[in-house]
Amino acid sequence: MVAGLIIAFSQQLLNNARQTITGLNNHGATKEQVVQLETVQSSDVLNLAGDCVRQNYKQTFENKLCFVITGKQFPKASDYDGQPLDFGFATNASGVTGSYNALVLTFDPVGMQVLITK
């Protein structure tokens, strides 16, 4: 019983630490939605954005979190902003500036875009 309490307490401490360290906040994503890469390429972002559209097109009419990409190196936002995707969708990373260590990909059916934020 004591071992179980210690494990639960340790897990809670780790979760709290993750939330306070910039870039480790998973924005409510499940384990399957978090993609961890050392170096993120623009093709990685575009492939995941395409998967986001294919998974959600005609499935939901509300914004839906698709992926959180974490890494140490990211391409410039201009490398993946405004790129066409399936079904007439496009990427929108207009708000991504400066340095960051995580990207959030959100399906936006009304705007016909995958919104990419940091």
N, C-alpha and C. Protein backbone atom coordinates (compact mmCIF):
# COMPACT_ATOMS: atom_id res chain seq x y z
N MET A 1 0.82 -1.19 0.00
CA MET A 1 0.00 0.00 0.00
C MET A 1 0.87 1.26 0.00
N VAL A 2 1.93 1.26 0.80
CA VAL A 2 2.82 2.42 0.86
C VAL A 2 3.50 2.63 -0.49
N ALA A 3 3.89 1.52 -1.12
CA ALA A 3 4.54 1.63 -2.44
C ALA A 3 3.60 2.26 -3.45
N GLY A 4 2.33 1.89 -3.38
CA GLY A 4 1.33 2.47 -4.30
C GLY A 4 1.16 3.96 -4.09
N LEU A 5 1.17 4.39 -2.85
CA LEU A 5 1.06 5.82 -2.55
C LEU A 5 2.28 6.59 -3.04
N ILE A 6 3.45 6.00 -2.88
CA ILE A 6 4.68 6.65 -3.34
C ILE A 6 4.67 6.79 -4.85
N ILE A 7 4.24 5.73 -5.55
CA ILE A 7 4.18 5.78 -7.02
C ILE A 7 3.18 6.84 -7.47
N ALA A 8 2.00 6.86 -6.86
CA ALA A 8 0.99 7.85 -7.24
C ALA A 8 1.49 9.27 -6.98
N PHE A 9 2.13 9.48 -5.84
CA PHE A 9 2.67 10.79 -5.51
C PHE A 9 3.75 11.20 -6.51
N SER A 10 4.63 10.26 -6.88
CA SER A 10 5.69 10.54 -7.84
C SER A 10 5.12 10.90 -9.20
N GLN A 11 4.10 10.17 -9.62
CA GLN A 11 3.47 10.48 -10.90
C GLN A 11 2.83 11.86 -10.89
N GLN A 12 2.22 12.22 -9.79
CA GLN A 12 1.61 13.55 -9.67
C GLN A 12 2.68 14.63 -9.74
N LEU A 13 3.81 14.42 -9.07
CA LEU A 13 4.90 15.39 -9.12
C LEU A 13 5.43 15.55 -10.55
N LEU A 14 5.59 14.43 -11.25
CA LEU A 14 6.06 14.50 -12.64
C LEU A 14 5.07 15.24 -13.52
N ASN A 15 3.78 14.95 -13.36
CA ASN A 15 2.77 15.64 -14.17
C ASN A 15 2.77 17.14 -13.88
N ASN A 16 2.89 17.51 -12.61
CA ASN A 16 2.94 18.94 -12.26
C ASN A 16 4.18 19.59 -12.85
N ALA A 17 5.31 18.91 -12.82
CA ALA A 17 6.55 19.45 -13.37
C ALA A 17 6.42 19.64 -14.88
N ARG A 18 5.80 18.68 -15.56
CA ARG A 18 5.62 18.80 -17.01
C ARG A 18 4.81 20.04 -17.36
N GLN A 19 3.80 20.31 -16.57
CA GLN A 19 2.93 21.45 -16.86
C GLN A 19 3.62 22.78 -16.63
N THR A 20 4.62 22.82 -15.77
CA THR A 20 5.28 24.08 -15.49
C THR A 20 6.46 24.34 -16.40
N ILE A 21 6.96 23.31 -17.08
CA ILE A 21 8.09 23.49 -17.99
C ILE A 21 7.54 23.85 -19.36
N THR A 22 8.00 24.96 -19.93
CA THR A 22 7.51 25.41 -21.24
C THR A 22 7.74 24.34 -22.28
N GLY A 23 6.72 24.10 -23.09
CA GLY A 23 6.85 23.15 -24.18
C GLY A 23 6.44 21.74 -23.83
N LEU A 24 6.30 21.41 -22.55
CA LEU A 24 5.88 20.08 -22.19
C LEU A 24 4.38 20.03 -21.90
N ASN A 25 3.70 21.14 -22.00
CA ASN A 25 2.26 21.16 -21.87
C ASN A 25 1.68 20.51 -23.12
N ASN A 26 0.93 19.45 -22.94
CA ASN A 26 0.42 18.74 -24.11
C ASN A 26 -0.94 19.27 -24.57
N HIS A 27 -1.42 20.34 -24.01
CA HIS A 27 -2.65 21.01 -24.43
C HIS A 27 -3.85 20.07 -24.40
N GLY A 28 -3.84 19.11 -23.49
CA GLY A 28 -4.96 18.18 -23.37
C GLY A 28 -4.92 17.04 -24.36
N ALA A 29 -3.82 16.86 -25.07
CA ALA A 29 -3.71 15.80 -26.06
C ALA A 29 -3.52 14.45 -25.38
N THR A 30 -4.01 13.41 -26.03
CA THR A 30 -3.77 12.05 -25.56
C THR A 30 -2.36 11.64 -25.97
N LYS A 31 -1.90 10.52 -25.43
CA LYS A 31 -0.56 10.02 -25.79
C LYS A 31 -0.42 9.84 -27.29
N GLU A 32 -1.48 9.38 -27.94
CA GLU A 32 -1.45 9.13 -29.38
C GLU A 32 -1.34 10.42 -30.19
N GLN A 33 -1.76 11.53 -29.61
CA GLN A 33 -1.73 12.81 -30.32
C GLN A 33 -0.41 13.55 -30.15
N VAL A 34 0.41 13.15 -29.20
CA VAL A 34 1.68 13.83 -28.96
C VAL A 34 2.76 13.16 -29.80
N VAL A 35 3.40 13.96 -30.65
CA VAL A 35 4.47 13.47 -31.52
C VAL A 35 5.75 14.13 -31.06
N GLN A 36 6.71 13.32 -30.61
CA GLN A 36 7.97 13.84 -30.12
C GLN A 36 9.06 13.56 -31.13
N LEU A 37 9.69 14.62 -31.62
CA LEU A 37 10.78 14.51 -32.58
C LEU A 37 11.94 15.37 -32.09
N GLU A 38 13.13 14.94 -32.35
CA GLU A 38 14.30 15.74 -31.99
C GLU A 38 14.35 16.97 -32.89
N THR A 39 14.39 16.73 -34.20
CA THR A 39 14.39 17.79 -35.20
C THR A 39 13.14 17.66 -36.04
N VAL A 40 12.33 18.69 -36.09
CA VAL A 40 11.08 18.68 -36.84
C VAL A 40 11.33 19.31 -38.20
N GLN A 41 10.95 18.60 -39.24
CA GLN A 41 11.05 19.10 -40.61
C GLN A 41 9.70 19.66 -41.04
N SER A 42 9.69 20.54 -42.03
CA SER A 42 8.43 21.08 -42.52
C SER A 42 7.56 19.95 -43.08
N SER A 43 8.18 18.92 -43.67
CA SER A 43 7.41 17.79 -44.20
C SER A 43 6.70 17.04 -43.08
N ASP A 44 7.30 16.98 -41.88
CA ASP A 44 6.64 16.34 -40.73
C ASP A 44 5.36 17.10 -40.37
N VAL A 45 5.47 18.42 -40.32
CA VAL A 45 4.32 19.26 -39.98
C VAL A 45 3.22 19.09 -41.04
N LEU A 46 3.60 19.12 -42.30
CA LEU A 46 2.62 19.01 -43.39
C LEU A 46 1.98 17.62 -43.43
N ASN A 47 2.76 16.57 -43.19
CA ASN A 47 2.19 15.22 -43.17
C ASN A 47 1.18 15.06 -42.04
N LEU A 48 1.50 15.59 -40.87
CA LEU A 48 0.57 15.51 -39.75
C LEU A 48 -0.67 16.38 -39.99
N ALA A 49 -0.49 17.52 -40.61
CA ALA A 49 -1.63 18.38 -40.95
C ALA A 49 -2.55 17.65 -41.94
N GLY A 50 -1.95 16.96 -42.91
CA GLY A 50 -2.75 16.18 -43.86
C GLY A 50 -3.51 15.06 -43.17
N ASP A 51 -2.85 14.37 -42.23
CA ASP A 51 -3.52 13.33 -41.46
C ASP A 51 -4.67 13.91 -40.65
N CYS A 52 -4.46 15.10 -40.11
CA CYS A 52 -5.49 15.79 -39.34
C CYS A 52 -6.75 15.99 -40.19
N VAL A 53 -6.57 16.46 -41.40
CA VAL A 53 -7.71 16.69 -42.29
C VAL A 53 -8.38 15.37 -42.65
N ARG A 54 -7.60 14.36 -43.05
CA ARG A 54 -8.17 13.08 -43.46
C ARG A 54 -8.93 12.40 -42.31
N GLN A 55 -8.46 12.54 -41.08
CA GLN A 55 -9.11 11.92 -39.93
C GLN A 55 -10.42 12.63 -39.54
N ASN A 56 -10.51 13.92 -39.81
CA ASN A 56 -11.64 14.69 -39.30
C ASN A 56 -12.61 15.20 -40.36
N TYR A 57 -12.23 15.17 -41.62
CA TYR A 57 -13.09 15.70 -42.69
C TYR A 57 -14.42 14.95 -42.68
N LYS A 58 -15.50 15.68 -42.65
CA LYS A 58 -16.88 15.17 -42.59
C LYS A 58 -17.17 14.38 -41.32
N GLN A 59 -16.30 14.46 -40.32
CA GLN A 59 -16.52 13.76 -39.05
C GLN A 59 -16.96 14.72 -37.95
N THR A 60 -16.51 15.96 -38.03
CA THR A 60 -16.84 16.94 -36.99
C THR A 60 -17.03 18.31 -37.61
N PHE A 61 -17.85 19.10 -36.99
CA PHE A 61 -18.08 20.46 -37.46
C PHE A 61 -17.58 21.49 -36.45
N GLU A 62 -16.77 21.01 -35.52
CA GLU A 62 -16.17 21.88 -34.51
C GLU A 62 -14.65 21.76 -34.56
N ASN A 63 -13.97 22.77 -34.05
CA ASN A 63 -12.51 22.69 -33.98
C ASN A 63 -12.13 21.49 -33.12
N LYS A 64 -11.07 20.78 -33.55
CA LYS A 64 -10.65 19.59 -32.83
C LYS A 64 -9.13 19.51 -32.81
N LEU A 65 -8.57 19.31 -31.62
CA LEU A 65 -7.13 19.13 -31.47
C LEU A 65 -6.73 17.84 -32.17
N CYS A 66 -5.70 17.94 -33.04
CA CYS A 66 -5.22 16.75 -33.74
C CYS A 66 -3.91 16.25 -33.16
N PHE A 67 -2.90 17.13 -33.14
CA PHE A 67 -1.57 16.72 -32.72
C PHE A 67 -0.87 17.85 -31.97
N VAL A 68 0.04 17.44 -31.09
CA VAL A 68 0.99 18.36 -30.47
C VAL A 68 2.36 17.80 -30.85
N ILE A 69 3.14 18.60 -31.55
CA ILE A 69 4.48 18.19 -31.97
C ILE A 69 5.48 18.86 -31.05
N THR A 70 6.34 18.06 -30.42
CA THR A 70 7.39 18.62 -29.56
C THR A 70 8.74 18.29 -30.17
N GLY A 71 9.68 19.18 -29.98
CA GLY A 71 11.02 18.96 -30.51
C GLY A 71 11.98 20.04 -30.05
N LYS A 72 13.22 19.87 -30.46
CA LYS A 72 14.24 20.87 -30.09
C LYS A 72 14.51 21.84 -31.23
N GLN A 73 14.30 21.40 -32.46
CA GLN A 73 14.52 22.27 -33.62
C GLN A 73 13.30 22.20 -34.53
N PHE A 74 12.85 23.38 -34.96
CA PHE A 74 11.70 23.48 -35.84
C PHE A 74 12.07 24.30 -37.07
N PRO A 75 11.41 24.03 -38.19
CA PRO A 75 11.62 24.88 -39.36
C PRO A 75 10.92 26.22 -39.18
N LYS A 76 11.23 27.16 -40.06
CA LYS A 76 10.53 28.46 -40.03
C LYS A 76 9.06 28.22 -40.37
N ALA A 77 8.19 29.00 -39.75
CA ALA A 77 6.75 28.87 -40.00
C ALA A 77 6.42 29.08 -41.47
N SER A 78 7.18 29.92 -42.15
CA SER A 78 6.90 30.18 -43.57
C SER A 78 7.10 28.92 -44.42
N ASP A 79 7.82 27.92 -43.90
CA ASP A 79 8.03 26.66 -44.64
C ASP A 79 6.78 25.79 -44.68
N TYR A 80 5.85 25.99 -43.75
CA TYR A 80 4.64 25.17 -43.73
C TYR A 80 3.35 25.99 -43.67
N ASP A 81 3.45 27.30 -43.62
CA ASP A 81 2.26 28.16 -43.58
C ASP A 81 1.66 28.30 -44.97
N GLY A 82 0.34 28.20 -45.05
CA GLY A 82 -0.37 28.44 -46.31
C GLY A 82 -0.24 27.32 -47.32
N GLN A 83 0.16 26.16 -46.90
CA GLN A 83 0.32 25.04 -47.83
C GLN A 83 -1.01 24.33 -48.04
N PRO A 84 -1.31 23.93 -49.27
CA PRO A 84 -2.58 23.25 -49.54
C PRO A 84 -2.59 21.83 -48.98
N LEU A 85 -3.76 21.40 -48.53
CA LEU A 85 -3.98 20.05 -48.02
C LEU A 85 -5.16 19.44 -48.77
N ASP A 86 -5.55 18.24 -48.42
CA ASP A 86 -6.68 17.56 -49.05
C ASP A 86 -7.99 18.31 -48.84
N PHE A 87 -8.94 18.08 -49.74
CA PHE A 87 -10.31 18.57 -49.64
C PHE A 87 -10.41 20.10 -49.59
N GLY A 88 -9.45 20.81 -50.14
CA GLY A 88 -9.49 22.26 -50.17
C GLY A 88 -9.01 22.94 -48.90
N PHE A 89 -8.52 22.19 -47.96
CA PHE A 89 -7.99 22.76 -46.72
C PHE A 89 -6.57 23.27 -46.95
N ALA A 90 -6.10 24.10 -46.03
CA ALA A 90 -4.73 24.61 -46.09
C ALA A 90 -4.22 24.76 -44.66
N THR A 91 -2.92 24.92 -44.53
CA THR A 91 -2.34 25.18 -43.21
C THR A 91 -2.38 26.67 -42.93
N ASN A 92 -2.51 27.02 -41.65
CA ASN A 92 -2.47 28.41 -41.24
C ASN A 92 -1.58 28.51 -40.01
N ALA A 93 -0.36 28.99 -40.23
CA ALA A 93 0.60 29.16 -39.13
C ALA A 93 0.97 30.62 -38.97
N SER A 94 0.04 31.50 -39.33
CA SER A 94 0.34 32.93 -39.34
C SER A 94 0.70 33.47 -37.96
N GLY A 95 0.27 32.81 -36.90
CA GLY A 95 0.57 33.30 -35.56
C GLY A 95 1.84 32.72 -34.95
N VAL A 96 2.53 31.87 -35.69
CA VAL A 96 3.74 31.22 -35.16
C VAL A 96 4.95 32.11 -35.46
N THR A 97 5.52 32.67 -34.41
CA THR A 97 6.71 33.51 -34.55
C THR A 97 7.65 33.23 -33.38
N GLY A 98 8.86 33.68 -33.50
CA GLY A 98 9.83 33.54 -32.42
C GLY A 98 10.26 32.11 -32.22
N SER A 99 10.78 31.84 -31.04
CA SER A 99 11.24 30.48 -30.75
C SER A 99 10.15 29.73 -29.99
N TYR A 100 10.16 28.44 -30.13
CA TYR A 100 9.16 27.59 -29.49
C TYR A 100 9.69 26.16 -29.49
N ASN A 101 9.10 25.32 -28.66
CA ASN A 101 9.48 23.92 -28.63
C ASN A 101 8.28 22.98 -28.70
N ALA A 102 7.15 23.52 -29.16
CA ALA A 102 5.97 22.70 -29.39
C ALA A 102 5.05 23.41 -30.39
N LEU A 103 4.40 22.63 -31.22
CA LEU A 103 3.39 23.13 -32.14
C LEU A 103 2.09 22.37 -31.90
N VAL A 104 0.98 23.07 -31.98
CA VAL A 104 -0.33 22.46 -31.80
C VAL A 104 -1.07 22.55 -33.14
N LEU A 105 -1.55 21.40 -33.63
CA LEU A 105 -2.30 21.35 -34.88
C LEU A 105 -3.77 21.11 -34.55
N THR A 106 -4.62 22.05 -34.98
CA THR A 106 -6.04 21.99 -34.69
C THR A 106 -6.83 22.01 -35.99
N PHE A 107 -7.76 21.06 -36.13
CA PHE A 107 -8.64 21.00 -37.29
C PHE A 107 -9.70 22.08 -37.14
N ASP A 108 -9.83 22.93 -38.16
CA ASP A 108 -10.81 24.02 -38.16
C ASP A 108 -11.68 23.87 -39.40
N PRO A 109 -12.83 23.17 -39.27
CA PRO A 109 -13.66 22.92 -40.45
C PRO A 109 -14.32 24.18 -41.02
N VAL A 110 -14.64 25.14 -40.18
CA VAL A 110 -15.28 26.37 -40.65
C VAL A 110 -14.32 27.18 -41.49
N GLY A 111 -13.08 27.32 -41.03
CA GLY A 111 -12.07 28.07 -41.77
C GLY A 111 -11.38 27.25 -42.85
N MET A 112 -11.77 25.95 -42.94
CA MET A 112 -11.16 25.03 -43.90
C MET A 112 -9.63 25.08 -43.82
N GLN A 113 -9.14 24.90 -42.59
CA GLN A 113 -7.71 24.99 -42.36
C GLN A 113 -7.29 24.08 -41.21
N VAL A 114 -6.02 23.81 -41.17
CA VAL A 114 -5.41 23.23 -39.98
C VAL A 114 -4.65 24.38 -39.35
N LEU A 115 -5.13 24.82 -38.22
CA LEU A 115 -4.53 25.94 -37.51
C LEU A 115 -3.31 25.43 -36.74
N ILE A 116 -2.19 26.05 -36.96
CA ILE A 116 -0.93 25.65 -36.31
C ILE A 116 -0.51 26.80 -35.39
N THR A 117 -0.45 26.48 -34.10
CA THR A 117 -0.08 27.47 -33.09
C THR A 117 1.05 26.92 -32.25
N LYS A 118 1.66 27.84 -31.47
CA LYS A 118 2.73 27.38 -30.57
C LYS A 118 2.30 27.42 -29.14
